[in-house]
Amino acid sequence: MRYEGNIFRPPSEARSYILQCTIGCTHNRCTFCAMYKDKKFSIRPLEDIKTDIAMARRYYGDVEKVFLADGDAIAMETDDLLEIIKELYKAFPSLNHVGIYASPDVVLKKEMSELTALKEAGLTIAYLGVETGDPELLKDIRKGVTYDQMVEAGRRLRQAGILLSVTILLGLAGRTPRAREHAVNTAKICNDINPDYIGALTLMLVPKTELYRRAQRGEFVLPEPFEILEELRIIIENLNVQETEFRSNHASNYLPIKGRLPDDKEKMVATINSIIGTHDSKYLRPDYLRGL
């Protein structure tokens, strides 16, 4: 298949056919993210995308899952997205899942009728990078939206009937007293959105990012592994979501945790507490096995 640059996708899209509809990210200013630093945002020609779908049909045969890349495929004109989704379902009779990254500022520019049309056409899930619910930290990481705007973006996707998976980022406040506020407020923003899925990742400092440069200057210090677990515990303790799947099984995490909230909340907290109580790193994923 044809791709420009590195391709990124959510962990749950590991078995999906990745269709590159846009290149890069419209925002591309978050201090922690290096995913699209080597790309300038652009939208691929619709005919090229259709050609890729035809190529995928010949190469893969039938597929059940497709993920629309890069970071802001949702920024395409809605009519073009609808045409792409229609072409996908036509090419792959067994298709039952189409996912997409959803930048909050782009979602807010779409009319509800557009989001609803995407759902009706077959867009099944959107991935929203929330990162934190702390208002000051959202500014500091240059997320480009406020707390209220992030909540509105998430609610609009859910209102449209699109499954919503939000990503939160452990360690984002650094080794500071603000880490607790980050954790508490991150649980709060998840409560306000009430997504279908919450995926916790752990911050890893990546060269070419502003946060990496701050760390090199001694202005930012990564929390220790068991401090990260404290953040994870605080977040889960403060979550009051309904019918939400929680996962920390991304490769960046020290401790894989999963459960359905609210039913499994006590069990997940107890597991974290037992590991923290040992303070033994043998129960954690070693750094050499962690990755983005």
C-alpha atoms as a PDB file:
ATOM      1  CA  MET A   1       0.000   0.000   0.000  1.00  0.00           C
ATOM      2  CA  ARG A   2       1.067   3.605  -0.526  1.00  0.00           C
ATOM      3  CA  TYR A   3       1.956   5.691   2.545  1.00  0.00           C
ATOM      4  CA  GLU A   4       3.822   8.925   3.028  1.00  0.00           C
ATOM      5  CA  GLY A   5       6.018   8.959   6.134  1.00  0.00           C
ATOM      6  CA  ASN A   6       5.457   6.930   9.288  1.00  0.00           C
ATOM      7  CA  ILE A   7       1.963   5.636   9.909  1.00  0.00           C
ATOM      8  CA  PHE A   8       0.402   5.837  13.376  1.00  0.00           C
ATOM      9  CA  ARG A   9      -2.771   4.177  14.583  1.00  0.00           C
ATOM     10  CA  PRO A  10      -4.453   3.334  17.914  1.00  0.00           C
ATOM     11  CA  PRO A  11      -3.520  -0.020  19.510  1.00  0.00           C
ATOM     12  CA  SER A  12      -7.023  -1.364  18.854  1.00  0.00           C
ATOM     13  CA  GLU A  13      -6.521  -0.814  15.111  1.00  0.00           C
ATOM     14  CA  ALA A  14      -3.628  -3.283  14.937  1.00  0.00           C
ATOM     15  CA  ARG A  15      -5.515  -5.591  12.566  1.00  0.00           C
ATOM     16  CA  SER A  16      -7.060  -2.845  10.466  1.00  0.00           C
ATOM     17  CA  TYR A  17      -6.281  -1.890   6.898  1.00  0.00           C
ATOM     18  CA  ILE A  18      -4.710   1.578   7.233  1.00  0.00           C
ATOM     19  CA  LEU A  19      -5.932   3.969   4.541  1.00  0.00           C
ATOM     20  CA  GLN A  20      -4.011   7.245   4.404  1.00  0.00           C
ATOM     21  CA  CYS A  21      -6.522   9.982   3.587  1.00  0.00           C
ATOM     22  CA  THR A  22      -4.602  12.963   4.953  1.00  0.00           C
ATOM     23  CA  ILE A  23      -0.940  13.551   5.656  1.00  0.00           C
ATOM     24  CA  GLY A  24       0.104  14.875   9.048  1.00  0.00           C
ATOM     25  CA  CYS A  25      -1.915  16.797  11.621  1.00  0.00           C
ATOM     26  CA  THR A  26      -3.726  20.124  11.302  1.00  0.00           C
ATOM     27  CA  HIS A  27      -2.642  21.222  14.796  1.00  0.00           C
ATOM     28  CA  ASN A  28       0.803  19.627  15.204  1.00  0.00           C
ATOM     29  CA  ARG A  29       1.803  21.915  18.090  1.00  0.00           C
ATOM     30  CA  CYS A  30       1.383  19.702  21.163  1.00  0.00           C
ATOM     31  CA  THR A  31       4.563  19.882  23.233  1.00  0.00           C
ATOM     32  CA  PHE A  32       4.776  16.122  23.881  1.00  0.00           C
ATOM     33  CA  CYS A  33       3.997  14.765  20.412  1.00  0.00           C
ATOM     34  CA  ALA A  34       6.488  13.982  17.629  1.00  0.00           C
ATOM     35  CA  MET A  35       4.186  11.841  15.496  1.00  0.00           C
ATOM     36  CA  TYR A  36       3.879  14.233  12.559  1.00  0.00           C
ATOM     37  CA  LYS A  37       6.802  16.641  12.984  1.00  0.00           C
ATOM     38  CA  ASP A  38       8.263  15.512   9.666  1.00  0.00           C
ATOM     39  CA  LYS A  39       5.035  16.180   7.763  1.00  0.00           C
ATOM     40  CA  LYS A  40       3.140  19.245   6.600  1.00  0.00           C
ATOM     41  CA  PHE A  41      -0.612  18.751   6.722  1.00  0.00           C
ATOM     42  CA  SER A  42      -2.269  18.056   3.404  1.00  0.00           C
ATOM     43  CA  ILE A  43      -5.284  16.199   2.059  1.00  0.00           C
ATOM     44  CA  ARG A  44      -4.686  13.465  -0.481  1.00  0.00           C
ATOM     45  CA  PRO A  45      -6.617  13.637  -3.759  1.00  0.00           C
ATOM     46  CA  LEU A  46      -9.867  11.724  -3.586  1.00  0.00           C
ATOM     47  CA  GLU A  47      -9.060   9.722  -6.722  1.00  0.00           C
ATOM     48  CA  ASP A  48      -5.747   8.581  -5.223  1.00  0.00           C
ATOM     49  CA  ILE A  49      -7.578   7.367  -2.132  1.00  0.00           C
ATOM     50  CA  LYS A  50     -10.088   5.455  -4.267  1.00  0.00           C
ATOM     51  CA  THR A  51      -7.213   3.891  -6.183  1.00  0.00           C
ATOM     52  CA  ASP A  52      -5.680   2.759  -2.890  1.00  0.00           C
ATOM     53  CA  ILE A  53      -8.975   1.162  -1.872  1.00  0.00           C
ATOM     54  CA  ALA A  54      -9.057  -0.776  -5.136  1.00  0.00           C
ATOM     55  CA  MET A  55      -5.434  -1.839  -4.605  1.00  0.00           C
ATOM     56  CA  ALA A  56      -6.245  -3.000  -1.069  1.00  0.00           C
ATOM     57  CA  ARG A  57      -9.176  -5.011  -2.347  1.00  0.00           C
ATOM     58  CA  ARG A  58      -6.890  -6.838  -4.792  1.00  0.00           C
ATOM     59  CA  TYR A  59      -4.116  -7.327  -2.231  1.00  0.00           C
ATOM     60  CA  TYR A  60      -6.060  -8.148   0.947  1.00  0.00           C
ATOM     61  CA  GLY A  61      -9.290  -9.481  -0.467  1.00  0.00           C
ATOM     62  CA  ASP A  62     -12.076  -8.785   2.025  1.00  0.00           C
ATOM     63  CA  VAL A  63     -11.386  -6.965   5.319  1.00  0.00           C
ATOM     64  CA  GLU A  64     -13.493  -6.280   8.404  1.00  0.00           C
ATOM     65  CA  LYS A  65     -11.705  -3.226   9.826  1.00  0.00           C
ATOM     66  CA  VAL A  66     -10.327  -0.016   8.307  1.00  0.00           C
ATOM     67  CA  PHE A  67      -8.591   2.917   9.970  1.00  0.00           C
ATOM     68  CA  LEU A  68      -8.488   6.295   8.226  1.00  0.00           C
ATOM     69  CA  ALA A  69      -5.082   7.946   8.745  1.00  0.00           C
ATOM     70  CA  ASP A  70      -3.236  10.306   9.396  1.00  0.00           C
ATOM     71  CA  GLY A  71      -3.908  12.388  12.479  1.00  0.00           C
ATOM     72  CA  ASP A  72      -6.707  14.472  11.024  1.00  0.00           C
ATOM     73  CA  ALA A  73      -8.570  12.545   8.365  1.00  0.00           C
ATOM     74  CA  ILE A  74     -11.736  13.971   9.901  1.00  0.00           C
ATOM     75  CA  ALA A  75     -10.581  17.400   8.665  1.00  0.00           C
ATOM     76  CA  MET A  76     -11.478  16.404   5.111  1.00  0.00           C
ATOM     77  CA  GLU A  77     -14.616  17.822   3.567  1.00  0.00           C
ATOM     78  CA  THR A  78     -17.478  15.739   4.906  1.00  0.00           C
ATOM     79  CA  ASP A  79     -18.776  14.925   1.416  1.00  0.00           C
ATOM     80  CA  ASP A  80     -15.370  13.475   0.513  1.00  0.00           C
ATOM     81  CA  LEU A  81     -15.265  11.420   3.709  1.00  0.00           C
ATOM     82  CA  LEU A  82     -18.742  10.109   2.968  1.00  0.00           C
ATOM     83  CA  GLU A  83     -17.629   9.086  -0.495  1.00  0.00           C
ATOM     84  CA  ILE A  84     -14.562   7.303   0.893  1.00  0.00           C
ATOM     85  CA  ILE A  85     -16.622   5.411   3.472  1.00  0.00           C
ATOM     86  CA  LYS A  86     -19.149   4.435   0.790  1.00  0.00           C
ATOM     87  CA  GLU A  87     -16.317   3.173  -1.429  1.00  0.00           C
ATOM     88  CA  LEU A  88     -14.890   1.128   1.452  1.00  0.00           C
ATOM     89  CA  TYR A  89     -18.154  -0.639   2.210  1.00  0.00           C
ATOM     90  CA  LYS A  90     -18.606  -1.314  -1.496  1.00  0.00           C
ATOM     91  CA  ALA A  91     -15.110  -2.803  -1.812  1.00  0.00           C
ATOM     92  CA  PHE A  92     -15.212  -4.887   1.383  1.00  0.00           C
ATOM     93  CA  PRO A  93     -18.497  -6.758   1.956  1.00  0.00           C
ATOM     94  CA  SER A  94     -17.439  -7.899   5.447  1.00  0.00           C
ATOM     95  CA  LEU A  95     -16.474  -4.406   6.624  1.00  0.00           C
ATOM     96  CA  ASN A  96     -18.017  -3.614  10.008  1.00  0.00           C
ATOM     97  CA  HIS A  97     -15.585  -1.113  11.523  1.00  0.00           C
ATOM     98  CA  VAL A  98     -14.209   2.224  10.287  1.00  0.00           C
ATOM     99  CA  GLY A  99     -12.120   4.255  12.732  1.00  0.00           C
ATOM    100  CA  ILE A 100     -10.611   7.731  12.637  1.00  0.00           C
ATOM    101  CA  TYR A 101      -8.570  10.112  14.799  1.00  0.00           C
ATOM    102  CA  ALA A 102     -10.670  13.123  15.782  1.00  0.00           C
ATOM    103  CA  SER A 103      -8.880  16.342  16.719  1.00  0.00           C
ATOM    104  CA  PRO A 104     -11.183  18.286  19.061  1.00  0.00           C
ATOM    105  CA  ASP A 105     -10.863  21.608  17.227  1.00  0.00           C
ATOM    106  CA  VAL A 106     -11.763  19.938  13.924  1.00  0.00           C
ATOM    107  CA  VAL A 107     -14.766  18.151  15.455  1.00  0.00           C
ATOM    108  CA  LEU A 108     -16.071  21.499  16.724  1.00  0.00           C
ATOM    109  CA  LYS A 109     -15.971  22.886  13.175  1.00  0.00           C
ATOM    110  CA  LYS A 110     -18.289  20.145  11.917  1.00  0.00           C
ATOM    111  CA  GLU A 111     -22.056  20.592  12.030  1.00  0.00           C
ATOM    112  CA  MET A 112     -23.949  17.943  14.004  1.00  0.00           C
ATOM    113  CA  SER A 113     -25.652  16.962  10.760  1.00  0.00           C
ATOM    114  CA  GLU A 114     -22.212  16.199   9.277  1.00  0.00           C
ATOM    115  CA  LEU A 115     -21.174  14.009  12.207  1.00  0.00           C
ATOM    116  CA  THR A 116     -24.512  12.200  12.102  1.00  0.00           C
ATOM    117  CA  ALA A 117     -24.122  11.624   8.361  1.00  0.00           C
ATOM    118  CA  LEU A 118     -20.685  10.094   8.935  1.00  0.00           C
ATOM    119  CA  LYS A 119     -22.156   7.731  11.510  1.00  0.00           C
ATOM    120  CA  GLU A 120     -25.000   6.751   9.199  1.00  0.00           C
ATOM    121  CA  ALA A 121     -22.518   6.133   6.371  1.00  0.00           C
ATOM    122  CA  GLY A 122     -20.586   3.679   8.539  1.00  0.00           C
ATOM    123  CA  LEU A 123     -17.991   5.574  10.609  1.00  0.00           C
ATOM    124  CA  THR A 124     -18.040   3.478  13.759  1.00  0.00           C
ATOM    125  CA  ILE A 125     -15.442   4.894  16.147  1.00  0.00           C
ATOM    126  CA  ALA A 126     -13.475   8.100  16.730  1.00  0.00           C
ATOM    127  CA  TYR A 127     -10.313   8.445  18.836  1.00  0.00           C
ATOM    128  CA  LEU A 128     -10.043  11.722  20.761  1.00  0.00           C
ATOM    129  CA  GLY A 129      -6.722  12.739  22.332  1.00  0.00           C
ATOM    130  CA  VAL A 130      -7.859  14.303  25.614  1.00  0.00           C
ATOM    131  CA  GLU A 131      -4.459  13.867  27.363  1.00  0.00           C
ATOM    132  CA  THR A 132      -5.465  15.804  30.514  1.00  0.00           C
ATOM    133  CA  GLY A 133      -8.430  17.508  32.113  1.00  0.00           C
ATOM    134  CA  ASP A 134      -6.315  20.070  33.918  1.00  0.00           C
ATOM    135  CA  PRO A 135      -7.122  23.464  32.308  1.00  0.00           C
ATOM    136  CA  GLU A 136      -3.675  24.951  32.928  1.00  0.00           C
ATOM    137  CA  LEU A 137      -1.912  21.847  31.686  1.00  0.00           C
ATOM    138  CA  LEU A 138      -4.022  21.858  28.516  1.00  0.00           C
ATOM    139  CA  LYS A 139      -2.637  25.344  27.865  1.00  0.00           C
ATOM    140  CA  ASP A 140       0.903  24.343  28.765  1.00  0.00           C
ATOM    141  CA  ILE A 141       0.971  21.396  26.357  1.00  0.00           C
ATOM    142  CA  ARG A 142      -0.543  23.616  23.625  1.00  0.00           C
ATOM    143  CA  LYS A 143      -3.478  21.333  22.995  1.00  0.00           C
ATOM    144  CA  GLY A 144      -5.302  24.153  21.247  1.00  0.00           C
ATOM    145  CA  VAL A 145      -8.636  23.759  23.035  1.00  0.00           C
ATOM    146  CA  THR A 146     -10.032  24.498  26.491  1.00  0.00           C
ATOM    147  CA  TYR A 147     -11.533  22.034  28.953  1.00  0.00           C
ATOM    148  CA  ASP A 148     -15.052  22.993  27.904  1.00  0.00           C
ATOM    149  CA  GLN A 149     -14.234  22.734  24.205  1.00  0.00           C
ATOM    150  CA  MET A 150     -12.742  19.265  24.709  1.00  0.00           C
ATOM    151  CA  VAL A 151     -15.865  18.140  26.550  1.00  0.00           C
ATOM    152  CA  GLU A 152     -18.089  19.582  23.809  1.00  0.00           C
ATOM    153  CA  ALA A 153     -16.119  17.786  21.088  1.00  0.00           C
ATOM    154  CA  GLY A 154     -16.440  14.475  22.900  1.00  0.00           C
ATOM    155  CA  ARG A 155     -20.139  14.915  23.569  1.00  0.00           C
ATOM    156  CA  ARG A 156     -20.845  15.848  19.948  1.00  0.00           C
ATOM    157  CA  LEU A 157     -19.250  12.631  18.716  1.00  0.00           C
ATOM    158  CA  ARG A 158     -21.258  10.591  21.199  1.00  0.00           C
ATOM    159  CA  GLN A 159     -24.439  12.453  20.341  1.00  0.00           C
ATOM    160  CA  ALA A 160     -23.884  11.563  16.698  1.00  0.00           C
ATOM    161  CA  GLY A 161     -23.830   7.904  17.734  1.00  0.00           C
ATOM    162  CA  ILE A 162     -20.143   7.386  16.945  1.00  0.00           C
ATOM    163  CA  LEU A 163     -18.309   5.221  19.478  1.00  0.00           C
ATOM    164  CA  LEU A 164     -15.791   7.365  21.347  1.00  0.00           C
ATOM    165  CA  SER A 165     -12.379   6.318  22.622  1.00  0.00           C
ATOM    166  CA  VAL A 166     -10.441   8.954  24.563  1.00  0.00           C
ATOM    167  CA  THR A 167      -6.736   8.893  25.292  1.00  0.00           C
ATOM    168  CA  ILE A 168      -5.269  10.188  28.542  1.00  0.00           C
ATOM    169  CA  LEU A 169      -1.577  10.639  29.238  1.00  0.00           C
ATOM    170  CA  LEU A 170       0.000   9.643  32.548  1.00  0.00           C
ATOM    171  CA  GLY A 171       3.008  11.652  33.708  1.00  0.00           C
ATOM    172  CA  LEU A 172       2.135  14.740  31.707  1.00  0.00           C
ATOM    173  CA  ALA A 173       2.464  17.107  34.674  1.00  0.00           C
ATOM    174  CA  GLY A 174       5.966  15.856  35.407  1.00  0.00           C
ATOM    175  CA  ARG A 175       7.357  15.146  38.837  1.00  0.00           C
ATOM    176  CA  THR A 176       5.532  18.021  40.530  1.00  0.00           C
ATOM    177  CA  PRO A 177       2.701  18.505  43.060  1.00  0.00           C
ATOM    178  CA  ARG A 178       0.519  19.349  40.045  1.00  0.00           C
ATOM    179  CA  ALA A 179       0.509  15.663  39.115  1.00  0.00           C
ATOM    180  CA  ARG A 180      -2.400  15.054  41.492  1.00  0.00           C
ATOM    181  CA  GLU A 181      -4.431  17.883  39.931  1.00  0.00           C
ATOM    182  CA  HIS A 182      -3.694  16.398  36.516  1.00  0.00           C
ATOM    183  CA  ALA A 183      -4.996  13.018  37.681  1.00  0.00           C
ATOM    184  CA  VAL A 184      -8.122  14.334  39.433  1.00  0.00           C
ATOM    185  CA  ASN A 185      -9.046  16.685  36.598  1.00  0.00           C
ATOM    186  CA  THR A 186      -8.408  14.018  33.989  1.00  0.00           C
ATOM    187  CA  ALA A 187     -10.919  11.774  35.726  1.00  0.00           C
ATOM    188  CA  LYS A 188     -13.309  14.741  35.855  1.00  0.00           C
ATOM    189  CA  ILE A 189     -13.133  15.452  32.122  1.00  0.00           C
ATOM    190  CA  CYS A 190     -13.704  11.766  31.384  1.00  0.00           C
ATOM    191  CA  ASN A 191     -16.742  11.865  33.675  1.00  0.00           C
ATOM    192  CA  ASP A 192     -18.082  14.908  31.820  1.00  0.00           C
ATOM    193  CA  ILE A 193     -17.632  13.224  28.429  1.00  0.00           C
ATOM    194  CA  ASN A 194     -18.521   9.652  29.488  1.00  0.00           C
ATOM    195  CA  PRO A 195     -16.789   7.963  26.529  1.00  0.00           C
ATOM    196  CA  ASP A 196     -17.223   4.364  25.479  1.00  0.00           C
ATOM    197  CA  TYR A 197     -13.509   3.680  25.959  1.00  0.00           C
ATOM    198  CA  ILE A 198     -10.674   5.268  27.950  1.00  0.00           C
ATOM    199  CA  GLY A 199      -7.105   4.417  26.980  1.00  0.00           C
ATOM    200  CA  ALA A 200      -4.298   5.432  29.333  1.00  0.00           C
ATOM    201  CA  LEU A 201      -0.805   5.908  27.903  1.00  0.00           C
ATOM    202  CA  THR A 202       2.351   6.881  29.777  1.00  0.00           C
ATOM    203  CA  LEU A 203       4.386   9.861  28.637  1.00  0.00           C
ATOM    204  CA  MET A 204       7.647   9.065  26.900  1.00  0.00           C
ATOM    205  CA  LEU A 205       9.975  11.918  26.036  1.00  0.00           C
ATOM    206  CA  VAL A 206      10.637  11.987  22.317  1.00  0.00           C
ATOM    207  CA  PRO A 207      13.407  13.980  20.578  1.00  0.00           C
ATOM    208  CA  LYS A 208      12.254  16.932  18.452  1.00  0.00           C
ATOM    209  CA  THR A 209       9.449  17.754  20.894  1.00  0.00           C
ATOM    210  CA  GLU A 210       9.260  20.844  23.099  1.00  0.00           C
ATOM    211  CA  LEU A 211       8.782  18.710  26.214  1.00  0.00           C
ATOM    212  CA  TYR A 212      11.972  16.787  25.407  1.00  0.00           C
ATOM    213  CA  ARG A 213      13.859  20.062  25.083  1.00  0.00           C
ATOM    214  CA  ARG A 214      12.456  21.233  28.422  1.00  0.00           C
ATOM    215  CA  ALA A 215      13.673  18.021  30.031  1.00  0.00           C
ATOM    216  CA  GLN A 216      17.119  18.524  28.505  1.00  0.00           C
ATOM    217  CA  ARG A 217      17.200  21.974  30.138  1.00  0.00           C
ATOM    218  CA  GLY A 218      16.117  20.526  33.481  1.00  0.00           C
ATOM    219  CA  GLU A 219      12.724  22.228  33.317  1.00  0.00           C
ATOM    220  CA  PHE A 220      10.738  18.989  33.210  1.00  0.00           C
ATOM    221  CA  VAL A 221      11.315  15.725  35.083  1.00  0.00           C
ATOM    222  CA  LEU A 222       9.501  12.485  34.292  1.00  0.00           C
ATOM    223  CA  PRO A 223       7.779  10.854  37.276  1.00  0.00           C
ATOM    224  CA  GLU A 224       9.166   7.579  38.557  1.00  0.00           C
ATOM    225  CA  PRO A 225       7.260   4.383  37.637  1.00  0.00           C
ATOM    226  CA  PHE A 226       5.490   4.062  40.981  1.00  0.00           C
ATOM    227  CA  GLU A 227       4.539   7.738  40.847  1.00  0.00           C
ATOM    228  CA  ILE A 228       2.910   6.970  37.501  1.00  0.00           C
ATOM    229  CA  LEU A 229       0.966   4.168  39.199  1.00  0.00           C
ATOM    230  CA  GLU A 230      -0.196   6.651  41.846  1.00  0.00           C
ATOM    231  CA  GLU A 231      -1.574   8.847  39.049  1.00  0.00           C
ATOM    232  CA  LEU A 232      -3.289   5.851  37.501  1.00  0.00           C
ATOM    233  CA  ARG A 233      -4.857   4.931  40.844  1.00  0.00           C
ATOM    234  CA  ILE A 234      -6.121   8.470  41.480  1.00  0.00           C
ATOM    235  CA  ILE A 235      -7.670   8.628  38.025  1.00  0.00           C
ATOM    236  CA  ILE A 236      -9.516   5.316  38.388  1.00  0.00           C
ATOM    237  CA  GLU A 237     -10.632   6.164  41.943  1.00  0.00           C
ATOM    238  CA  ASN A 238     -12.203   9.394  40.670  1.00  0.00           C
ATOM    239  CA  LEU A 239     -13.841   7.985  37.550  1.00  0.00           C
ATOM    240  CA  ASN A 240     -17.641   7.982  37.680  1.00  0.00           C
ATOM    241  CA  VAL A 241     -18.372   6.957  34.109  1.00  0.00           C
ATOM    242  CA  GLN A 242     -21.025   4.491  33.011  1.00  0.00           C
ATOM    243  CA  GLU A 243     -20.588   1.529  30.658  1.00  0.00           C
ATOM    244  CA  THR A 244     -17.004   2.500  29.818  1.00  0.00           C
ATOM    245  CA  GLU A 245     -14.125   0.168  28.989  1.00  0.00           C
ATOM    246  CA  PHE A 246     -10.826   1.224  30.617  1.00  0.00           C
ATOM    247  CA  ARG A 247      -7.449   0.065  29.318  1.00  0.00           C
ATOM    248  CA  SER A 248      -3.807   0.772  30.163  1.00  0.00           C
ATOM    249  CA  ASN A 249      -2.451  -1.953  27.900  1.00  0.00           C
ATOM    250  CA  HIS A 250      -0.512   0.352  25.557  1.00  0.00           C
ATOM    251  CA  ALA A 251       3.185  -0.483  25.185  1.00  0.00           C
ATOM    252  CA  SER A 252       4.172   2.740  26.967  1.00  0.00           C
ATOM    253  CA  ASN A 253       2.549   1.677  30.242  1.00  0.00           C
ATOM    254  CA  TYR A 254       4.285   0.085  33.206  1.00  0.00           C
ATOM    255  CA  LEU A 255       1.223  -1.884  34.320  1.00  0.00           C
ATOM    256  CA  PRO A 256      -1.501  -3.298  32.034  1.00  0.00           C
ATOM    257  CA  ILE A 257      -4.913  -2.765  33.626  1.00  0.00           C
ATOM    258  CA  LYS A 258      -8.292  -3.362  32.083  1.00  0.00           C
ATOM    259  CA  GLY A 259     -11.878  -3.421  33.215  1.00  0.00           C
ATOM    260  CA  ARG A 260     -15.402  -2.186  32.647  1.00  0.00           C
ATOM    261  CA  LEU A 261     -16.557   0.786  34.673  1.00  0.00           C
ATOM    262  CA  PRO A 262     -18.122   1.125  37.106  1.00  0.00           C
ATOM    263  CA  ASP A 263     -18.307  -2.652  37.735  1.00  0.00           C
ATOM    264  CA  ASP A 264     -14.554  -3.354  37.851  1.00  0.00           C
ATOM    265  CA  LYS A 265     -13.432  -0.142  39.551  1.00  0.00           C
ATOM    266  CA  GLU A 266     -12.682  -1.636  42.977  1.00  0.00           C
ATOM    267  CA  LYS A 267     -10.866  -4.598  41.453  1.00  0.00           C
ATOM    268  CA  MET A 268      -8.624  -2.355  39.310  1.00  0.00           C
ATOM    269  CA  VAL A 269      -7.801  -0.068  42.239  1.00  0.00           C
ATOM    270  CA  ALA A 270      -7.012  -3.090  44.431  1.00  0.00           C
ATOM    271  CA  THR A 271      -4.634  -4.462  41.788  1.00  0.00           C
ATOM    272  CA  ILE A 272      -2.787  -1.145  41.545  1.00  0.00           C
ATOM    273  CA  ASN A 273      -2.622  -0.856  45.340  1.00  0.00           C
ATOM    274  CA  SER A 274      -1.142  -4.329  45.643  1.00  0.00           C
ATOM    275  CA  ILE A 275       1.622  -3.511  43.155  1.00  0.00           C
ATOM    276  CA  ILE A 276       2.351  -0.144  44.768  1.00  0.00           C
ATOM    277  CA  GLY A 277       2.471  -1.896  48.134  1.00  0.00           C
ATOM    278  CA  THR A 278       5.261  -4.186  46.985  1.00  0.00           C
ATOM    279  CA  HIS A 279       7.256  -1.346  45.418  1.00  0.00           C
ATOM    280  CA  ASP A 280       8.954  -4.098  43.454  1.00  0.00           C
ATOM    281  CA  SER A 281       9.788  -3.236  39.848  1.00  0.00           C
ATOM    282  CA  LYS A 282       9.625  -6.897  38.816  1.00  0.00           C
ATOM    283  CA  TYR A 283       5.848  -6.449  38.502  1.00  0.00           C
ATOM    284  CA  LEU A 284       6.268  -3.588  36.014  1.00  0.00           C
ATOM    285  CA  ARG A 285       7.004  -3.622  32.303  1.00  0.00           C
ATOM    286  CA  PRO A 286      10.756  -2.888  31.983  1.00  0.00           C
ATOM    287  CA  ASP A 287      11.801   0.207  30.076  1.00  0.00           C
ATOM    288  CA  TYR A 288      13.414  -1.789  27.280  1.00  0.00           C
ATOM    289  CA  LEU A 289       9.995  -3.288  26.466  1.00  0.00           C
ATOM    290  CA  ARG A 290       8.142   0.030  26.558  1.00  0.00           C
ATOM    291  CA  GLY A 291       7.464   1.953  23.387  1.00  0.00           C
ATOM    292  CA  LEU A 292       5.189   4.379  21.611  1.00  0.00           C
END
